[in-house]
Protein backbone atom coordinates (compact mmCIF):
# COMPACT_ATOMS: atom_id res chain seq x y z
CA MET A 1 -5.14 8.06 20.10
CA ARG A 2 -4.96 6.91 16.32
CA GLU A 3 -7.73 8.00 14.22
CA ARG A 4 -10.18 4.94 13.23
CA SER A 5 -11.45 4.74 10.09
CA LYS A 6 -14.62 2.66 8.08
CA TRP A 7 -11.75 1.04 5.82
CA PHE A 8 -8.89 0.44 8.33
CA PRO A 9 -10.16 -0.14 12.04
CA LEU A 10 -7.78 0.26 15.08
CA LYS A 11 -7.17 -3.70 15.12
CA PRO A 12 -7.21 -5.36 11.62
CA ARG A 13 -9.90 -7.72 11.48
CA ASN A 14 -9.72 -9.33 8.29
CA LYS A 15 -8.51 -12.85 7.88
CA ARG A 16 -6.82 -13.64 4.36
CA LEU A 17 -9.14 -14.88 1.61
CA PRO A 18 -8.60 -17.60 -0.74
CA ARG A 19 -5.42 -16.71 -2.68
CA GLU A 20 -7.77 -16.99 -6.03
CA THR A 21 -9.82 -14.14 -4.83
CA TYR A 22 -6.78 -11.62 -5.38
CA ALA A 23 -6.58 -12.54 -8.67
CA ASN A 24 -10.09 -11.33 -9.91
CA PRO A 25 -9.58 -8.56 -12.31
CA ALA A 26 -12.68 -7.18 -11.51
CA ILE A 27 -12.14 -6.49 -8.09
CA VAL A 28 -10.51 -3.28 -7.08
CA TRP A 29 -8.63 -3.80 -3.81
CA PHE A 30 -7.57 -1.21 -0.72
CA PHE A 31 -4.47 -2.25 1.07
CA THR A 32 -2.97 -0.80 3.82
CA ILE A 33 0.59 -1.99 4.72
CA ARG A 34 2.23 -0.97 7.57
CA ALA A 35 5.83 -0.49 8.81
CA TYR A 36 7.21 -3.10 11.06
CA LEU A 37 6.43 -2.31 14.93
CA PHE A 38 4.67 1.19 13.81
CA GLN A 39 8.46 2.78 12.96
CA SER A 40 8.53 5.60 10.76
CA PRO A 41 11.04 4.38 8.14
CA PHE A 42 9.50 6.30 4.88
CA GLU A 43 10.63 9.74 6.80
CA ARG A 44 13.94 9.06 5.04
CA ASP A 45 13.65 10.47 1.62
CA ASP A 46 16.07 7.57 0.48
CA LEU A 47 13.68 4.57 1.48
CA ASN A 48 10.73 6.67 0.79
CA ARG A 49 11.81 7.30 -2.81
CA THR A 50 13.06 3.68 -3.06
CA VAL A 51 9.50 2.28 -2.42
CA ILE A 52 7.84 4.96 -4.88
CA ASP A 53 10.12 3.78 -7.73
CA THR A 54 9.64 0.21 -6.62
CA LEU A 55 5.81 0.48 -6.21
CA ARG A 56 5.79 1.97 -10.08
CA GLU A 57 8.06 -0.75 -11.38
CA THR A 58 6.67 -3.87 -9.62
CA HIS A 59 2.89 -3.10 -10.46
CA ASP A 60 3.78 -3.70 -14.14
CA THR A 61 5.95 -6.82 -13.42
CA TYR A 62 2.98 -8.50 -11.87
CA ARG A 63 0.35 -6.82 -13.98
CA CYS A 64 -1.71 -4.96 -11.73
CA ASN A 65 -2.86 -1.55 -11.85
CA VAL A 66 -2.41 1.02 -9.25
CA PHE A 67 -4.88 3.44 -8.81
CA ALA A 68 -4.02 5.58 -6.04
CA TYR A 69 -1.53 5.52 -3.65
CA CYS A 70 -0.14 7.63 -0.44
CA LEU A 71 3.93 6.09 1.52
CA MET A 72 3.22 8.13 5.03
CA PRO A 73 6.04 7.73 7.44
CA ASP A 74 4.75 4.26 8.50
CA HIS A 75 2.13 2.75 6.37
CA LEU A 76 1.29 2.87 2.33
CA HIS A 77 -2.06 3.09 1.35
CA LEU A 78 -2.97 1.14 -2.17
CA LEU A 79 -5.71 1.18 -4.56
CA THR A 80 -4.97 -1.80 -6.74
CA SER A 81 -6.81 -4.40 -9.06
CA PRO A 82 -5.19 -7.16 -10.97
CA ARG A 83 -4.82 -6.25 -14.74
CA GLU A 84 -6.03 -9.45 -16.53
CA ASP A 85 -6.54 -13.30 -15.58
CA GLY A 86 -3.65 -14.64 -13.82
CA ALA A 87 -2.12 -11.51 -12.10
CA SER A 88 -3.07 -11.61 -8.62
CA VAL A 89 -2.59 -8.43 -5.90
CA LEU A 90 -1.70 -10.47 -3.29
CA THR A 91 1.38 -11.80 -5.33
CA PHE A 92 2.71 -7.90 -6.30
CA THR A 93 1.88 -6.67 -2.71
CA GLU A 94 3.79 -9.80 -1.44
CA ARG A 95 6.80 -9.34 -3.79
CA PHE A 96 6.93 -5.67 -3.54
CA LYS A 97 7.34 -5.87 0.29
CA GLY A 98 9.76 -8.18 -0.30
CA LYS A 99 11.72 -6.46 -2.80
CA THR A 100 11.46 -3.13 -0.97
CA THR A 101 13.02 -4.72 2.37
CA ASN A 102 16.14 -5.67 0.36
CA GLN A 103 16.62 -2.49 -0.87
CA SER A 104 16.23 -0.58 2.16
CA TRP A 105 19.30 -3.28 3.71
CA ALA A 106 20.98 -1.69 0.99
CA LEU A 107 20.49 1.30 2.07
CA GLY A 108 21.51 0.95 5.52
CA TRP A 109 18.18 -0.39 7.41
CA LYS A 110 18.25 -2.77 9.72
CA GLY A 111 15.88 -5.58 10.63
CA THR A 112 12.20 -6.17 9.39
CA LEU A 113 10.72 -3.30 7.07
CA TRP A 114 7.17 -4.11 6.69
CA GLN A 115 4.77 -6.25 9.60
CA PRO A 116 3.82 -9.45 7.77
CA GLY A 117 0.62 -9.61 6.06
CA SER A 118 -1.33 -6.98 5.49
CA TYR A 119 -5.05 -4.98 5.94
CA ASP A 120 -6.88 -5.30 2.56
CA HIS A 121 -10.86 -4.54 1.79
CA GLY A 122 -12.38 -5.57 -1.68
CA LEU A 123 -14.36 -2.64 -3.07
CA ARG A 124 -18.38 -3.80 -3.37
CA LYS A 125 -19.53 -0.76 -4.93
CA GLU A 126 -18.21 1.52 -7.53
CA ASP A 127 -19.13 4.64 -5.43
CA ASP A 128 -16.71 3.21 -2.80
CA PHE A 129 -13.63 3.61 -5.64
CA ARG A 130 -13.81 7.36 -5.35
CA GLU A 131 -14.42 7.65 -1.53
CA ILE A 132 -11.32 5.52 -0.78
CA ALA A 133 -9.28 7.12 -3.56
CA GLU A 134 -9.92 10.60 -1.74
CA TYR A 135 -9.22 9.09 1.63
CA ILE A 136 -6.10 7.64 -0.08
CA LEU A 137 -5.14 10.97 -1.63
CA GLU A 138 -5.92 13.09 1.40
CA ASN A 139 -3.98 11.28 3.93
CA PRO A 140 -1.18 13.62 4.19
CA VAL A 141 -3.42 16.64 4.74
CA ARG A 142 -5.24 14.74 7.62
CA LYS A 143 -2.05 13.54 9.45
CA ASN A 144 -0.66 17.26 8.82
CA TRP A 145 2.52 15.66 6.79
CA PRO A 146 4.00 18.09 4.48
CA LEU A 147 3.25 16.96 0.85
CA HIS A 148 6.61 18.77 -0.38
CA ARG A 149 8.46 15.92 1.04
CA ASN A 150 8.47 12.77 -1.15
CA ASN A 151 5.64 10.95 0.05
CA GLY A 152 4.46 9.11 -3.36
CA HIS A 153 1.25 10.56 -3.10
CA GLY A 154 -0.62 10.43 -5.90
CA ALA A 155 -2.65 8.39 -8.65
CA GLU A 156 -1.23 6.08 -11.54
């Protein structure tokens, strides 16, 4: 049975908030983006590296901060915020998913890479930031996934 956490329930419940909410530079967002149908495409080193490289490129393009991230075999955890007015973490994550899907096809992946949508949580307290960043960065240890792999485990 999958592990339940207070930031990622087994059945994501959140409904998408108004788009402008994701463009507020004062809000830090915790996103979980799952691979399609709980597949594990990121066990492949080529897909893993491509996704991490694209994350690093795309967050600058869409003017978003990435504070911490961890790419696991079947999902990506991301702690992010807009860098300035007019930037949106929702646009950033949508474009990131589209770009990495196209890149995965060039690497031989067949079909859909990511599940539609994502789970997100806007942080409400400053002390949540450290706790959620630690949760993200410790994900490979909790899941017993070797850190020597290209898992994109880190903070920016």
